Amino acid sequence: MKHIVCYRCLLLFDDDVKLVLLLFVNDDYEEEEEEEEKKKMMMMMVVVVVVMTTTMMMILIMIMRFELN
């Protein structure tokens, strides 16, 4: 049985080319999904950090104003 590997598929055939099988390989697709998921998580973390930092700064400003009065 001979085979040819191409982008996202595997083509198998015998010497007389009586049987041809095409198998799709989804490894790249799964890796792309994982990368997208990682990017989304990183963006969410950045947003959370920015919101927390902003909230802390506002609380500090309020405390300082209260102490000055």
PDB file of N, CA and C in Angstrom:
ATOM      1  N   MET A   1       0.849  -1.176   0.000  1.00  0.00           N
ATOM      2  CA  MET A   1       0.000   0.000   0.000  1.00  0.00           C
ATOM      3  C   MET A   1       0.894   1.238   0.000  1.00  0.00           C
ATOM      4  N   LYS A   2       0.702   2.109  -0.963  1.00  0.00           N
ATOM      5  CA  LYS A   2       1.445   3.360  -1.033  1.00  0.00           C
ATOM      6  C   LYS A   2       0.584   4.467  -0.453  1.00  0.00           C
ATOM      7  N   HIS A   3       1.219   5.552  -0.110  1.00  0.00           N
ATOM      8  CA  HIS A   3       0.447   6.667   0.432  1.00  0.00           C
ATOM      9  C   HIS A   3       1.074   8.002   0.047  1.00  0.00           C
ATOM     10  N   ILE A   4       0.242   9.005   0.019  1.00  0.00           N
ATOM     11  CA  ILE A   4       0.673  10.382  -0.229  1.00  0.00           C
ATOM     12  C   ILE A   4       0.083  11.238   0.886  1.00  0.00           C
ATOM     13  N   VAL A   5       0.919  12.035   1.501  1.00  0.00           N
ATOM     14  CA  VAL A   5       0.448  12.933   2.544  1.00  0.00           C
ATOM     15  C   VAL A   5       0.393  14.336   1.952  1.00  0.00           C
ATOM     16  N   CYS A   6      -0.756  14.946   2.020  1.00  0.00           N
ATOM     17  CA  CYS A   6      -0.896  16.318   1.564  1.00  0.00           C
ATOM     18  C   CYS A   6      -1.489  17.142   2.706  1.00  0.00           C
ATOM     19  N   TYR A   7      -1.781  18.399   2.438  1.00  0.00           N
ATOM     20  CA  TYR A   7      -2.291  19.281   3.478  1.00  0.00           C
ATOM     21  C   TYR A   7      -3.618  18.769   4.018  1.00  0.00           C
ATOM     22  N   ARG A   8      -3.632  18.370   5.283  1.00  0.00           N
ATOM     23  CA  ARG A   8      -4.824  17.907   5.992  1.00  0.00           C
ATOM     24  C   ARG A   8      -5.458  16.645   5.426  1.00  0.00           C
ATOM     25  N   CYS A   9      -4.752  15.878   4.635  1.00  0.00           N
ATOM     26  CA  CYS A   9      -5.332  14.617   4.183  1.00  0.00           C
ATOM     27  C   CYS A   9      -4.240  13.594   3.907  1.00  0.00           C
ATOM     28  N   LEU A  10      -4.625  12.360   3.885  1.00  0.00           N
ATOM     29  CA  LEU A  10      -3.725  11.252   3.611  1.00  0.00           C
ATOM     30  C   LEU A  10      -4.391  10.401   2.540  1.00  0.00           C
ATOM     31  N   LEU A  11      -3.717  10.202   1.427  1.00  0.00           N
ATOM     32  CA  LEU A  11      -4.266   9.433   0.319  1.00  0.00           C
ATOM     33  C   LEU A  11      -3.565   8.083   0.279  1.00  0.00           C
ATOM     34  N   LEU A  12      -4.333   7.013   0.433  1.00  0.00           N
ATOM     35  CA  LEU A  12      -3.793   5.654   0.399  1.00  0.00           C
ATOM     36  C   LEU A  12      -4.255   4.962  -0.875  1.00  0.00           C
ATOM     37  N   PHE A  13      -3.344   4.249  -1.525  1.00  0.00           N
ATOM     38  CA  PHE A  13      -3.741   3.498  -2.717  1.00  0.00           C
ATOM     39  C   PHE A  13      -2.843   2.283  -2.880  1.00  0.00           C
ATOM     40  N   ASP A  14      -3.363   1.250  -3.554  1.00  0.00           N
ATOM     41  CA  ASP A  14      -2.571   0.045  -3.789  1.00  0.00           C
ATOM     42  C   ASP A  14      -1.841   0.171  -5.126  1.00  0.00           C
ATOM     43  N   ASP A  15      -1.067  -0.842  -5.468  1.00  0.00           N
ATOM     44  CA  ASP A  15      -0.243  -0.776  -6.680  1.00  0.00           C
ATOM     45  C   ASP A  15      -1.076  -0.707  -7.959  1.00  0.00           C
ATOM     46  N   ASP A  16      -2.228  -1.337  -7.972  1.00  0.00           N
ATOM     47  CA  ASP A  16      -3.074  -1.330  -9.165  1.00  0.00           C
ATOM     48  C   ASP A  16      -4.074  -0.169  -9.149  1.00  0.00           C
ATOM     49  N   VAL A  17      -4.043   0.615  -8.144  1.00  0.00           N
ATOM     50  CA  VAL A  17      -4.944   1.739  -7.950  1.00  0.00           C
ATOM     51  C   VAL A  17      -6.407   1.288  -8.077  1.00  0.00           C
ATOM     52  N   LYS A  18      -6.705   0.164  -7.459  1.00  0.00           N
ATOM     53  CA  LYS A  18      -8.084  -0.315  -7.410  1.00  0.00           C
ATOM     54  C   LYS A  18      -8.806   0.248  -6.188  1.00  0.00           C
ATOM     55  N   LEU A  19      -8.021   0.553  -5.187  1.00  0.00           N
ATOM     56  CA  LEU A  19      -8.609   1.048  -3.948  1.00  0.00           C
ATOM     57  C   LEU A  19      -7.953   2.373  -3.588  1.00  0.00           C
ATOM     58  N   VAL A  20      -8.746   3.372  -3.368  1.00  0.00           N
ATOM     59  CA  VAL A  20      -8.229   4.683  -2.969  1.00  0.00           C
ATOM     60  C   VAL A  20      -8.978   5.119  -1.719  1.00  0.00           C
ATOM     61  N   LEU A  21      -8.235   5.465  -0.696  1.00  0.00           N
ATOM     62  CA  LEU A  21      -8.827   5.940   0.552  1.00  0.00           C
ATOM     63  C   LEU A  21      -8.310   7.343   0.832  1.00  0.00           C
ATOM     64  N   LEU A  22      -9.186   8.190   1.232  1.00  0.00           N
ATOM     65  CA  LEU A  22      -8.797   9.548   1.602  1.00  0.00           C
ATOM     66  C   LEU A  22      -9.150   9.756   3.064  1.00  0.00           C
ATOM     67  N   LEU A  23      -8.141   9.993   3.876  1.00  0.00           N
ATOM     68  CA  LEU A  23      -8.344  10.202   5.304  1.00  0.00           C
ATOM     69  C   LEU A  23      -7.997  11.645   5.631  1.00  0.00           C
ATOM     70  N   PHE A  24      -8.913  12.340   6.240  1.00  0.00           N
ATOM     71  CA  PHE A  24      -8.654  13.724   6.622  1.00  0.00           C
ATOM     72  C   PHE A  24      -7.932  13.767   7.955  1.00  0.00           C
ATOM     73  N   VAL A  25      -6.945  14.608   8.030  1.00  0.00           N
ATOM     74  CA  VAL A  25      -6.169  14.775   9.251  1.00  0.00           C
ATOM     75  C   VAL A  25      -6.521  16.136   9.833  1.00  0.00           C
ATOM     76  N   ASN A  26      -6.995  16.152  11.060  1.00  0.00           N
ATOM     77  CA  ASN A  26      -7.461  17.397  11.669  1.00  0.00           C
ATOM     78  C   ASN A  26      -6.506  17.938  12.727  1.00  0.00           C
ATOM     79  N   ASP A  27      -5.288  17.481  12.750  1.00  0.00           N
ATOM     80  CA  ASP A  27      -4.335  17.924  13.769  1.00  0.00           C
ATOM     81  C   ASP A  27      -4.102  19.427  13.702  1.00  0.00           C
ATOM     82  N   ASP A  28      -3.923  19.959  12.513  1.00  0.00           N
ATOM     83  CA  ASP A  28      -3.675  21.393  12.368  1.00  0.00           C
ATOM     84  C   ASP A  28      -4.866  22.204  12.857  1.00  0.00           C
ATOM     85  N   TYR A  29      -6.052  21.721  12.546  1.00  0.00           N
ATOM     86  CA  TYR A  29      -7.259  22.431  12.950  1.00  0.00           C
ATOM     87  C   TYR A  29      -7.371  22.500  14.466  1.00  0.00           C
ATOM     88  N   GLU A  30      -7.082  21.368  15.133  1.00  0.00           N
ATOM     89  CA  GLU A  30      -7.151  21.339  16.595  1.00  0.00           C
ATOM     90  C   GLU A  30      -6.097  22.257  17.206  1.00  0.00           C
ATOM     91  N   GLU A  31      -4.911  22.285  16.608  1.00  0.00           N
ATOM     92  CA  GLU A  31      -3.861  23.172  17.111  1.00  0.00           C
ATOM     93  C   GLU A  31      -4.275  24.635  16.946  1.00  0.00           C
ATOM     94  N   GLU A  32      -4.908  24.947  15.811  1.00  0.00           N
ATOM     95  CA  GLU A  32      -5.370  26.319  15.587  1.00  0.00           C
ATOM     96  C   GLU A  32      -6.424  26.700  16.619  1.00  0.00           C
ATOM     97  N   GLU A  33      -7.323  25.763  16.932  1.00  0.00           N
ATOM     98  CA  GLU A  33      -8.351  26.037  17.939  1.00  0.00           C
ATOM     99  C   GLU A  33      -7.711  26.273  19.305  1.00  0.00           C
ATOM    100  N   GLU A  34      -6.707  25.465  19.640  1.00  0.00           N
ATOM    101  CA  GLU A  34      -6.023  25.633  20.924  1.00  0.00           C
ATOM    102  C   GLU A  34      -5.339  26.992  20.992  1.00  0.00           C
ATOM    103  N   GLU A  35      -4.700  27.389  19.896  1.00  0.00           N
ATOM    104  CA  GLU A  35      -4.021  28.688  19.862  1.00  0.00           C
ATOM    105  C   GLU A  35      -5.030  29.827  20.027  1.00  0.00           C
ATOM    106  N   GLU A  36      -6.169  29.709  19.355  1.00  0.00           N
ATOM    107  CA  GLU A  36      -7.212  30.730  19.477  1.00  0.00           C
ATOM    108  C   GLU A  36      -7.726  30.802  20.913  1.00  0.00           C
ATOM    109  N   GLU A  37      -7.908  29.646  21.522  1.00  0.00           N
ATOM    110  CA  GLU A  37      -8.393  29.599  22.907  1.00  0.00           C
ATOM    111  C   GLU A  37      -7.380  30.253  23.852  1.00  0.00           C
ATOM    112  N   LYS A  38      -6.096  29.991  23.629  1.00  0.00           N
ATOM    113  CA  LYS A  38      -5.049  30.601  24.454  1.00  0.00           C
ATOM    114  C   LYS A  38      -5.052  32.118  24.294  1.00  0.00           C
ATOM    115  N   LYS A  39      -5.218  32.580  23.054  1.00  0.00           N
ATOM    116  CA  LYS A  39      -5.253  34.026  22.808  1.00  0.00           C
ATOM    117  C   LYS A  39      -6.439  34.671  23.517  1.00  0.00           C
ATOM    118  N   LYS A  40      -7.601  34.007  23.451  1.00  0.00           N
ATOM    119  CA  LYS A  40      -8.786  34.535  24.122  1.00  0.00           C
ATOM    120  C   LYS A  40      -8.569  34.606  25.626  1.00  0.00           C
ATOM    121  N   MET A  41      -7.970  33.573  26.197  1.00  0.00           N
ATOM    122  CA  MET A  41      -7.715  33.554  27.638  1.00  0.00           C
ATOM    123  C   MET A  41      -6.754  34.672  28.036  1.00  0.00           C
ATOM    124  N   MET A  42      -5.725  34.885  27.235  1.00  0.00           N
ATOM    125  CA  MET A  42      -4.769  35.949  27.532  1.00  0.00           C
ATOM    126  C   MET A  42      -5.443  37.318  27.477  1.00  0.00           C
ATOM    127  N   MET A  43      -6.292  37.526  26.491  1.00  0.00           N
ATOM    128  CA  MET A  43      -7.006  38.800  26.384  1.00  0.00           C
ATOM    129  C   MET A  43      -7.936  39.003  27.575  1.00  0.00           C
ATOM    130  N   MET A  44      -8.595  37.942  28.001  1.00  0.00           N
ATOM    131  CA  MET A  44      -9.476  38.043  29.163  1.00  0.00           C
ATOM    132  C   MET A  44      -8.670  38.382  30.411  1.00  0.00           C
ATOM    133  N   MET A  45      -7.493  37.788  30.545  1.00  0.00           N
ATOM    134  CA  MET A  45      -6.651  38.076  31.701  1.00  0.00           C
ATOM    135  C   MET A  45      -6.204  39.532  31.693  1.00  0.00           C
ATOM    136  N   VAL A  46      -5.852  40.035  30.518  1.00  0.00           N
ATOM    137  CA  VAL A  46      -5.425  41.431  30.405  1.00  0.00           C
ATOM    138  C   VAL A  46      -6.573  42.359  30.802  1.00  0.00           C
ATOM    139  N   VAL A  47      -7.769  42.061  30.331  1.00  0.00           N
ATOM    140  CA  VAL A  47      -8.933  42.887  30.667  1.00  0.00           C
ATOM    141  C   VAL A  47      -9.179  42.862  32.171  1.00  0.00           C
ATOM    142  N   VAL A  48      -9.090  41.690  32.786  1.00  0.00           N
ATOM    143  CA  VAL A  48      -9.310  41.575  34.230  1.00  0.00           C
ATOM    144  C   VAL A  48      -8.267  42.388  34.993  1.00  0.00           C
ATOM    145  N   VAL A  49      -7.019  42.303  34.580  1.00  0.00           N
ATOM    146  CA  VAL A  49      -5.954  43.048  35.263  1.00  0.00           C
ATOM    147  C   VAL A  49      -6.184  44.551  35.126  1.00  0.00           C
ATOM    148  N   VAL A  50      -6.563  45.005  33.947  1.00  0.00           N
ATOM    149  CA  VAL A  50      -6.808  46.436  33.733  1.00  0.00           C
ATOM    150  C   VAL A  50      -7.979  46.909  34.594  1.00  0.00           C
ATOM    151  N   VAL A  51      -9.049  46.127  34.630  1.00  0.00           N
ATOM    152  CA  VAL A  51     -10.215  46.504  35.431  1.00  0.00           C
ATOM    153  C   VAL A  51      -9.854  46.536  36.913  1.00  0.00           C
ATOM    154  N   MET A  52      -9.116  45.549  37.375  1.00  0.00           N
ATOM    155  CA  MET A  52      -8.726  45.514  38.791  1.00  0.00           C
ATOM    156  C   MET A  52      -7.830  46.692  39.139  1.00  0.00           C
ATOM    157  N   THR A  53      -6.893  46.990  38.256  1.00  0.00           N
ATOM    158  CA  THR A  53      -5.985  48.106  38.504  1.00  0.00           C
ATOM    159  C   THR A  53      -6.756  49.422  38.555  1.00  0.00           C
ATOM    160  N   THR A  54      -7.656  49.615  37.622  1.00  0.00           N
ATOM    161  CA  THR A  54      -8.465  50.834  37.593  1.00  0.00           C
ATOM    162  C   THR A  54      -9.312  50.950  38.856  1.00  0.00           C
ATOM    163  N   THR A  55      -9.913  49.851  39.267  1.00  0.00           N
ATOM    164  CA  THR A  55     -10.739  49.850  40.474  1.00  0.00           C
ATOM    165  C   THR A  55      -9.903  50.188  41.708  1.00  0.00           C
ATOM    166  N   MET A  56      -8.735  49.596  41.801  1.00  0.00           N
ATOM    167  CA  MET A  56      -7.859  49.879  42.950  1.00  0.00           C
ATOM    168  C   MET A  56      -7.442  51.341  42.978  1.00  0.00           C
ATOM    169  N   MET A  57      -7.140  51.896  41.815  1.00  0.00           N
ATOM    170  CA  MET A  57      -6.744  53.302  41.765  1.00  0.00           C
ATOM    171  C   MET A  57      -7.897  54.208  42.186  1.00  0.00           C
ATOM    172  N   MET A  58      -9.103  53.881  41.751  1.00  0.00           N
ATOM    173  CA  MET A  58     -10.257  54.692  42.140  1.00  0.00           C
ATOM    174  C   MET A  58     -10.495  54.608  43.643  1.00  0.00           C
ATOM    175  N   ILE A  59     -10.337  53.426  44.209  1.00  0.00           N
ATOM    176  CA  ILE A  59     -10.498  53.265  45.664  1.00  0.00           C
ATOM    177  C   ILE A  59      -9.437  54.075  46.399  1.00  0.00           C
ATOM    178  N   LEU A  60      -8.210  54.030  45.924  1.00  0.00           N
ATOM    179  CA  LEU A  60      -7.138  54.809  46.556  1.00  0.00           C
ATOM    180  C   LEU A  60      -7.420  56.307  46.473  1.00  0.00           C
ATOM    181  N   ILE A  61      -7.913  56.758  45.341  1.00  0.00           N
ATOM    182  CA  ILE A  61      -8.248  58.176  45.187  1.00  0.00           C
ATOM    183  C   ILE A  61      -9.355  58.567  46.162  1.00  0.00           C
ATOM    184  N   MET A  62     -10.357  57.716  46.304  1.00  0.00           N
ATOM    185  CA  MET A  62     -11.447  58.003  47.242  1.00  0.00           C
ATOM    186  C   MET A  62     -10.932  58.050  48.678  1.00  0.00           C
ATOM    187  N   ILE A  63     -10.051  57.129  49.032  1.00  0.00           N
ATOM    188  CA  ILE A  63      -9.482  57.117  50.388  1.00  0.00           C
ATOM    189  C   ILE A  63      -8.676  58.388  50.625  1.00  0.00           C
ATOM    190  N   MET A  64      -7.873  58.779  49.645  1.00  0.00           N
ATOM    191  CA  MET A  64      -7.061  59.987  49.801  1.00  0.00           C
ATOM    192  C   MET A  64      -7.949  61.222  49.953  1.00  0.00           C
ATOM    193  N   ARG A  65      -9.013  61.312  49.178  1.00  0.00           N
ATOM    194  CA  ARG A  65      -9.935  62.447  49.290  1.00  0.00           C
ATOM    195  C   ARG A  65     -10.588  62.478  50.670  1.00  0.00           C
ATOM    196  N   PHE A  66     -10.978  61.310  51.148  1.00  0.00           N
ATOM    197  CA  PHE A  66     -11.614  61.226  52.457  1.00  0.00           C
ATOM    198  C   PHE A  66     -10.654  61.674  53.558  1.00  0.00           C
ATOM    199  N   GLU A  67      -9.397  61.269  53.460  1.00  0.00           N
ATOM    200  CA  GLU A  67      -8.411  61.638  54.478  1.00  0.00           C
ATOM    201  C   GLU A  67      -8.081  63.124  54.420  1.00  0.00           C
ATOM    202  N   LEU A  68      -8.106  63.713  53.240  1.00  0.00           N
ATOM    203  CA  LEU A  68      -7.789  65.129  53.110  1.00  0.00           C
ATOM    204  C   LEU A  68      -8.911  66.010  53.656  1.00  0.00           C
ATOM    205  N   ASN A  69     -10.115  65.508  53.639  1.00  0.00           N
ATOM    206  CA  ASN A  69     -11.243  66.298  54.153  1.00  0.00           C
ATOM    207  C   ASN A  69     -11.303  66.099  55.610  1.00  0.00           C
TER     208      ASN A  69
END
